[in-house]
């Protein structure tokens, strides 16, 4: 049931996002579009409440409950950036706004950008860890919470791998091509 709800939340996220951007830019109803975009966090609240109710009803803590925590953490850590990025592109494509600037491509500016994205992953891992710890306290049975404890390591392993990738941009920054040279 939880996995189905995670899939429904993910589909709902993209449907609300598409609807919000369509109302903002295609139908020229920016307030309605904003309301739809602001409804997206409600999906995660629903997922959180259903997961808690599932555990309260005596469900055995499993990987699905951990996945729900990671999904909510990811949304907190990266959801705003994703919506902002897509909104900028929709504003350009359908609203006549200038093209949004992409991430820097070279040097320390790119390293800083990658560091900020990595911080979103750290926030995601922190939120997931907090939710998992609350679930562990909620279940209050050390013999049953192993799957929840394992997901904390998954969250921080992902943050660590992402951190190593982001660090490579700092250690080996990509250099801009020399003036006069063109890429074919």
C-alpha atoms as a PDB file:
ATOM      1  CA  UNK A   1       0.000   0.000   0.000  1.00  0.00           C
ATOM      2  CA  UNK A   2       2.788   2.448   0.884  1.00  0.00           C
ATOM      3  CA  UNK A   3       4.637   1.842  -2.395  1.00  0.00           C
ATOM      4  CA  UNK A   4       1.427   2.502  -4.321  1.00  0.00           C
ATOM      5  CA  UNK A   5       0.947   5.722  -2.377  1.00  0.00           C
ATOM      6  CA  UNK A   6       4.535   6.796  -3.125  1.00  0.00           C
ATOM      7  CA  UNK A   7       3.876   6.234  -6.842  1.00  0.00           C
ATOM      8  CA  UNK A   8       0.589   8.150  -6.582  1.00  0.00           C
ATOM      9  CA  UNK A   9       2.393  11.026  -4.820  1.00  0.00           C
ATOM     10  CA  UNK A  10       5.079  11.117  -7.501  1.00  0.00           C
ATOM     11  CA  UNK A  11       2.517  11.127 -10.305  1.00  0.00           C
ATOM     12  CA  UNK A  12       0.490  13.700  -8.368  1.00  0.00           C
ATOM     13  CA  UNK A  13       3.584  15.890  -8.013  1.00  0.00           C
ATOM     14  CA  UNK A  14       4.095  15.999 -11.775  1.00  0.00           C
ATOM     15  CA  UNK A  15       0.387  16.432 -12.520  1.00  0.00           C
ATOM     16  CA  UNK A  16       0.104  19.346 -10.071  1.00  0.00           C
ATOM     17  CA  UNK A  17       3.307  20.837 -11.443  1.00  0.00           C
ATOM     18  CA  UNK A  18       2.111  20.602 -15.045  1.00  0.00           C
ATOM     19  CA  UNK A  19      -1.317  21.941 -14.124  1.00  0.00           C
ATOM     20  CA  UNK A  20       0.153  24.781 -12.069  1.00  0.00           C
ATOM     21  CA  UNK A  21       2.481  25.845 -14.885  1.00  0.00           C
ATOM     22  CA  UNK A  22      -0.289  25.485 -17.485  1.00  0.00           C
ATOM     23  CA  UNK A  23      -2.595  27.738 -15.461  1.00  0.00           C
ATOM     24  CA  UNK A  24       0.196  30.260 -14.872  1.00  0.00           C
ATOM     25  CA  UNK A  25       1.446  30.559 -18.427  1.00  0.00           C
ATOM     26  CA  UNK A  26      -0.936  28.999 -20.933  1.00  0.00           C
ATOM     27  CA  UNK A  27      -4.252  30.023 -19.388  1.00  0.00           C
ATOM     28  CA  UNK A  28      -2.852  33.279 -17.943  1.00  0.00           C
ATOM     29  CA  UNK A  29      -4.246  32.535 -14.483  1.00  0.00           C
ATOM     30  CA  UNK A  30      -1.157  33.022 -12.289  1.00  0.00           C
ATOM     31  CA  UNK A  31      -2.993  32.891  -8.940  1.00  0.00           C
ATOM     32  CA  UNK A  32      -4.674  29.597  -9.751  1.00  0.00           C
ATOM     33  CA  UNK A  33      -1.348  28.241 -10.962  1.00  0.00           C
ATOM     34  CA  UNK A  34       0.349  29.344  -7.752  1.00  0.00           C
ATOM     35  CA  UNK A  35      -2.355  27.680  -5.650  1.00  0.00           C
ATOM     36  CA  UNK A  36      -1.832  24.428  -7.561  1.00  0.00           C
ATOM     37  CA  UNK A  37       1.928  24.645  -7.081  1.00  0.00           C
ATOM     38  CA  UNK A  38       1.475  25.328  -3.369  1.00  0.00           C
ATOM     39  CA  UNK A  39      -0.686  22.193  -3.076  1.00  0.00           C
ATOM     40  CA  UNK A  40       2.277  19.960  -3.904  1.00  0.00           C
ATOM     41  CA  UNK A  41       3.579  19.726  -0.315  1.00  0.00           C
ATOM     42  CA  UNK A  42       0.167  18.377   0.706  1.00  0.00           C
ATOM     43  CA  UNK A  43       1.030  15.181  -1.154  1.00  0.00           C
ATOM     44  CA  UNK A  44       3.955  14.577   1.189  1.00  0.00           C
ATOM     45  CA  UNK A  45       1.786  15.347   4.212  1.00  0.00           C
ATOM     46  CA  UNK A  46      -0.697  12.715   3.020  1.00  0.00           C
ATOM     47  CA  UNK A  47       2.124  10.212   2.554  1.00  0.00           C
ATOM     48  CA  UNK A  48       3.482  10.972   6.020  1.00  0.00           C
ATOM     49  CA  UNK A  49       0.080  10.618   7.686  1.00  0.00           C
ATOM     50  CA  UNK A  50      -0.775   7.373   5.872  1.00  0.00           C
ATOM     51  CA  UNK A  51       2.635   5.911   6.733  1.00  0.00           C
ATOM     52  CA  UNK A  52       2.179   6.824  10.397  1.00  0.00           C
ATOM     53  CA  UNK A  53      -1.339   5.383  10.438  1.00  0.00           C
ATOM     54  CA  UNK A  54      -0.054   2.207   8.808  1.00  0.00           C
ATOM     55  CA  UNK A  55       2.533   1.797  11.560  1.00  0.00           C
ATOM     56  CA  UNK A  56      -0.022   2.660  14.244  1.00  0.00           C
ATOM     57  CA  UNK A  57      -2.357  -0.020  12.898  1.00  0.00           C
ATOM     58  CA  UNK A  58       0.348  -2.548  13.675  1.00  0.00           C
ATOM     59  CA  UNK A  59       1.969  -2.976  10.277  1.00  0.00           C
ATOM     60  CA  UNK A  60       5.403  -4.534  10.400  1.00  0.00           C
ATOM     61  CA  UNK A  61       7.988  -1.783   9.715  1.00  0.00           C
ATOM     62  CA  UNK A  62       9.464  -2.544   6.315  1.00  0.00           C
ATOM     63  CA  UNK A  63      11.465  -1.108   3.477  1.00  0.00           C
ATOM     64  CA  UNK A  64       8.325   0.651   2.214  1.00  0.00           C
ATOM     65  CA  UNK A  65       8.155   2.844   5.318  1.00  0.00           C
ATOM     66  CA  UNK A  66      11.835   3.702   4.873  1.00  0.00           C
ATOM     67  CA  UNK A  67      11.315   4.504   1.218  1.00  0.00           C
ATOM     68  CA  UNK A  68       8.464   6.848   2.175  1.00  0.00           C
ATOM     69  CA  UNK A  69      10.817   8.709   4.531  1.00  0.00           C
ATOM     70  CA  UNK A  70      13.454   9.030   1.804  1.00  0.00           C
ATOM     71  CA  UNK A  71      10.862  10.230  -0.700  1.00  0.00           C
ATOM     72  CA  UNK A  72       9.660  12.932   1.688  1.00  0.00           C
ATOM     73  CA  UNK A  73      13.260  13.915   2.470  1.00  0.00           C
ATOM     74  CA  UNK A  74      14.098  14.196  -1.220  1.00  0.00           C
ATOM     75  CA  UNK A  75      11.077  16.400  -1.790  1.00  0.00           C
ATOM     76  CA  UNK A  76      12.094  18.697   1.068  1.00  0.00           C
ATOM     77  CA  UNK A  77      15.715  18.841  -0.088  1.00  0.00           C
ATOM     78  CA  UNK A  78      15.222  19.174  -3.838  1.00  0.00           C
ATOM     79  CA  UNK A  79      11.539  19.862  -4.542  1.00  0.00           C
ATOM     80  CA  UNK A  80      11.735  23.659  -4.421  1.00  0.00           C
ATOM     81  CA  UNK A  81      14.759  23.744  -6.733  1.00  0.00           C
ATOM     82  CA  UNK A  82      13.022  21.421  -9.197  1.00  0.00           C
ATOM     83  CA  UNK A  83       9.839  23.504  -9.264  1.00  0.00           C
ATOM     84  CA  UNK A  84      11.816  26.749  -9.597  1.00  0.00           C
ATOM     85  CA  UNK A  85      13.854  25.318 -12.490  1.00  0.00           C
ATOM     86  CA  UNK A  86      10.766  24.125 -14.357  1.00  0.00           C
ATOM     87  CA  UNK A  87       8.924  27.376 -13.644  1.00  0.00           C
ATOM     88  CA  UNK A  88      11.795  29.350 -15.184  1.00  0.00           C
ATOM     89  CA  UNK A  89      11.708  27.222 -18.317  1.00  0.00           C
ATOM     90  CA  UNK A  90       7.906  27.444 -18.580  1.00  0.00           C
ATOM     91  CA  UNK A  91       8.055  31.222 -18.114  1.00  0.00           C
ATOM     92  CA  UNK A  92      10.560  31.407 -20.956  1.00  0.00           C
ATOM     93  CA  UNK A  93       8.751  29.012 -23.278  1.00  0.00           C
ATOM     94  CA  UNK A  94       5.175  30.155 -22.675  1.00  0.00           C
ATOM     95  CA  UNK A  95       5.350  33.460 -20.823  1.00  0.00           C
ATOM     96  CA  UNK A  96       7.856  35.447 -22.861  1.00  0.00           C
ATOM     97  CA  UNK A  97      10.441  35.657 -20.091  1.00  0.00           C
ATOM     98  CA  UNK A  98      14.133  35.530 -20.933  1.00  0.00           C
ATOM     99  CA  UNK A  99      15.756  32.112 -21.021  1.00  0.00           C
ATOM    100  CA  UNK A 100      16.800  31.020 -17.550  1.00  0.00           C
ATOM    101  CA  UNK A 101      20.494  30.896 -16.921  1.00  0.00           C
ATOM    102  CA  UNK A 102      21.821  27.381 -16.710  1.00  0.00           C
ATOM    103  CA  UNK A 103      24.285  26.262 -14.101  1.00  0.00           C
ATOM    104  CA  UNK A 104      27.809  27.556 -14.498  1.00  0.00           C
ATOM    105  CA  UNK A 105      29.878  25.269 -16.682  1.00  0.00           C
ATOM    106  CA  UNK A 106      33.406  25.925 -15.505  1.00  0.00           C
ATOM    107  CA  UNK A 107      35.674  26.619 -12.578  1.00  0.00           C
ATOM    108  CA  UNK A 108      34.792  27.509  -9.032  1.00  0.00           C
ATOM    109  CA  UNK A 109      31.355  28.796 -10.000  1.00  0.00           C
ATOM    110  CA  UNK A 110      30.434  25.258 -11.090  1.00  0.00           C
ATOM    111  CA  UNK A 111      31.940  23.832  -7.901  1.00  0.00           C
ATOM    112  CA  UNK A 112      29.819  26.195  -5.779  1.00  0.00           C
ATOM    113  CA  UNK A 113      26.713  25.232  -7.764  1.00  0.00           C
ATOM    114  CA  UNK A 114      27.377  21.523  -7.259  1.00  0.00           C
ATOM    115  CA  UNK A 115      28.000  22.174  -3.557  1.00  0.00           C
ATOM    116  CA  UNK A 116      24.593  23.862  -3.228  1.00  0.00           C
ATOM    117  CA  UNK A 117      22.885  20.938  -4.958  1.00  0.00           C
ATOM    118  CA  UNK A 118      24.722  18.549  -2.629  1.00  0.00           C
ATOM    119  CA  UNK A 119      23.473  20.548   0.376  1.00  0.00           C
ATOM    120  CA  UNK A 120      19.948  19.747  -0.848  1.00  0.00           C
ATOM    121  CA  UNK A 121      20.873  16.075  -0.643  1.00  0.00           C
ATOM    122  CA  UNK A 122      22.229  16.587   2.879  1.00  0.00           C
ATOM    123  CA  UNK A 123      18.916  18.226   3.840  1.00  0.00           C
ATOM    124  CA  UNK A 124      17.066  15.295   2.255  1.00  0.00           C
ATOM    125  CA  UNK A 125      19.136  12.786   4.242  1.00  0.00           C
ATOM    126  CA  UNK A 126      18.615  14.798   7.433  1.00  0.00           C
ATOM    127  CA  UNK A 127      14.852  14.971   6.993  1.00  0.00           C
ATOM    128  CA  UNK A 128      14.665  11.268   6.136  1.00  0.00           C
ATOM    129  CA  UNK A 129      16.794  10.417   9.192  1.00  0.00           C
ATOM    130  CA  UNK A 130      14.565  12.508  11.438  1.00  0.00           C
ATOM    131  CA  UNK A 131      11.401  10.878  10.073  1.00  0.00           C
ATOM    132  CA  UNK A 132      12.924   7.429  10.418  1.00  0.00           C
ATOM    133  CA  UNK A 133      14.001   8.125  14.000  1.00  0.00           C
ATOM    134  CA  UNK A 134      10.506   9.329  14.871  1.00  0.00           C
ATOM    135  CA  UNK A 135       9.095   6.155  13.309  1.00  0.00           C
ATOM    136  CA  UNK A 136      11.553   4.057  15.349  1.00  0.00           C
ATOM    137  CA  UNK A 137      10.436   5.775  18.547  1.00  0.00           C
ATOM    138  CA  UNK A 138       6.820   5.421  17.451  1.00  0.00           C
ATOM    139  CA  UNK A 139       7.111   1.657  16.893  1.00  0.00           C
ATOM    140  CA  UNK A 140       9.065   1.345  20.166  1.00  0.00           C
ATOM    141  CA  UNK A 141      10.138  -2.252  19.590  1.00  0.00           C
ATOM    142  CA  UNK A 142      13.873  -2.733  18.967  1.00  0.00           C
ATOM    143  CA  UNK A 143      13.246  -6.143  17.419  1.00  0.00           C
ATOM    144  CA  UNK A 144      11.018  -4.731  14.672  1.00  0.00           C
ATOM    145  CA  UNK A 145      12.765  -1.529  13.604  1.00  0.00           C
ATOM    146  CA  UNK A 146      15.752  -2.978  11.730  1.00  0.00           C
ATOM    147  CA  UNK A 147      14.416  -2.063   8.273  1.00  0.00           C
ATOM    148  CA  UNK A 148      13.882   1.527   9.390  1.00  0.00           C
ATOM    149  CA  UNK A 149      17.389   1.748  10.845  1.00  0.00           C
ATOM    150  CA  UNK A 150      18.865   0.442   7.588  1.00  0.00           C
ATOM    151  CA  UNK A 151      17.276   3.262   5.596  1.00  0.00           C
ATOM    152  CA  UNK A 152      19.191   5.849   7.627  1.00  0.00           C
ATOM    153  CA  UNK A 153      22.396   4.373   6.240  1.00  0.00           C
ATOM    154  CA  UNK A 154      20.953   4.398   2.721  1.00  0.00           C
ATOM    155  CA  UNK A 155      20.149   8.113   3.053  1.00  0.00           C
ATOM    156  CA  UNK A 156      23.607   9.047   4.284  1.00  0.00           C
ATOM    157  CA  UNK A 157      25.359   6.750   1.817  1.00  0.00           C
ATOM    158  CA  UNK A 158      23.548   8.576  -1.013  1.00  0.00           C
ATOM    159  CA  UNK A 159      24.537  11.936   0.485  1.00  0.00           C
ATOM    160  CA  UNK A 160      28.133  10.743   0.794  1.00  0.00           C
ATOM    161  CA  UNK A 161      28.322   9.551  -2.806  1.00  0.00           C
ATOM    162  CA  UNK A 162      26.772  12.795  -4.004  1.00  0.00           C
ATOM    163  CA  UNK A 163      29.264  14.690  -1.838  1.00  0.00           C
ATOM    164  CA  UNK A 164      32.194  12.893  -3.453  1.00  0.00           C
ATOM    165  CA  UNK A 165      30.842  13.718  -6.909  1.00  0.00           C
ATOM    166  CA  UNK A 166      30.346  17.375  -5.916  1.00  0.00           C
ATOM    167  CA  UNK A 167      33.849  17.463  -4.450  1.00  0.00           C
ATOM    168  CA  UNK A 168      35.352  16.422  -7.777  1.00  0.00           C
ATOM    169  CA  UNK A 169      34.178  19.746  -9.222  1.00  0.00           C
ATOM    170  CA  UNK A 170      36.191  21.516  -6.525  1.00  0.00           C
ATOM    171  CA  UNK A 171      39.298  19.351  -6.750  1.00  0.00           C
ATOM    172  CA  UNK A 172      39.371  19.106 -10.549  1.00  0.00           C
ATOM    173  CA  UNK A 173      37.497  22.159 -11.818  1.00  0.00           C
ATOM    174  CA  UNK A 174      36.676  22.092 -15.492  1.00  0.00           C
ATOM    175  CA  UNK A 175      38.499  24.821 -17.356  1.00  0.00           C
ATOM    176  CA  UNK A 176      36.829  27.062 -19.906  1.00  0.00           C
ATOM    177  CA  UNK A 177      38.021  26.556 -23.470  1.00  0.00           C
ATOM    178  CA  UNK A 178      40.714  28.941 -24.609  1.00  0.00           C
ATOM    179  CA  UNK A 179      39.484  31.983 -26.522  1.00  0.00           C
ATOM    180  CA  UNK A 180      39.305  31.363 -30.238  1.00  0.00           C
ATOM    181  CA  UNK A 181      38.914  27.598 -29.925  1.00  0.00           C
ATOM    182  CA  UNK A 182      35.537  26.236 -30.829  1.00  0.00           C
ATOM    183  CA  UNK A 183      34.026  22.897 -30.057  1.00  0.00           C
ATOM    184  CA  UNK A 184      32.847  20.774 -32.931  1.00  0.00           C
END
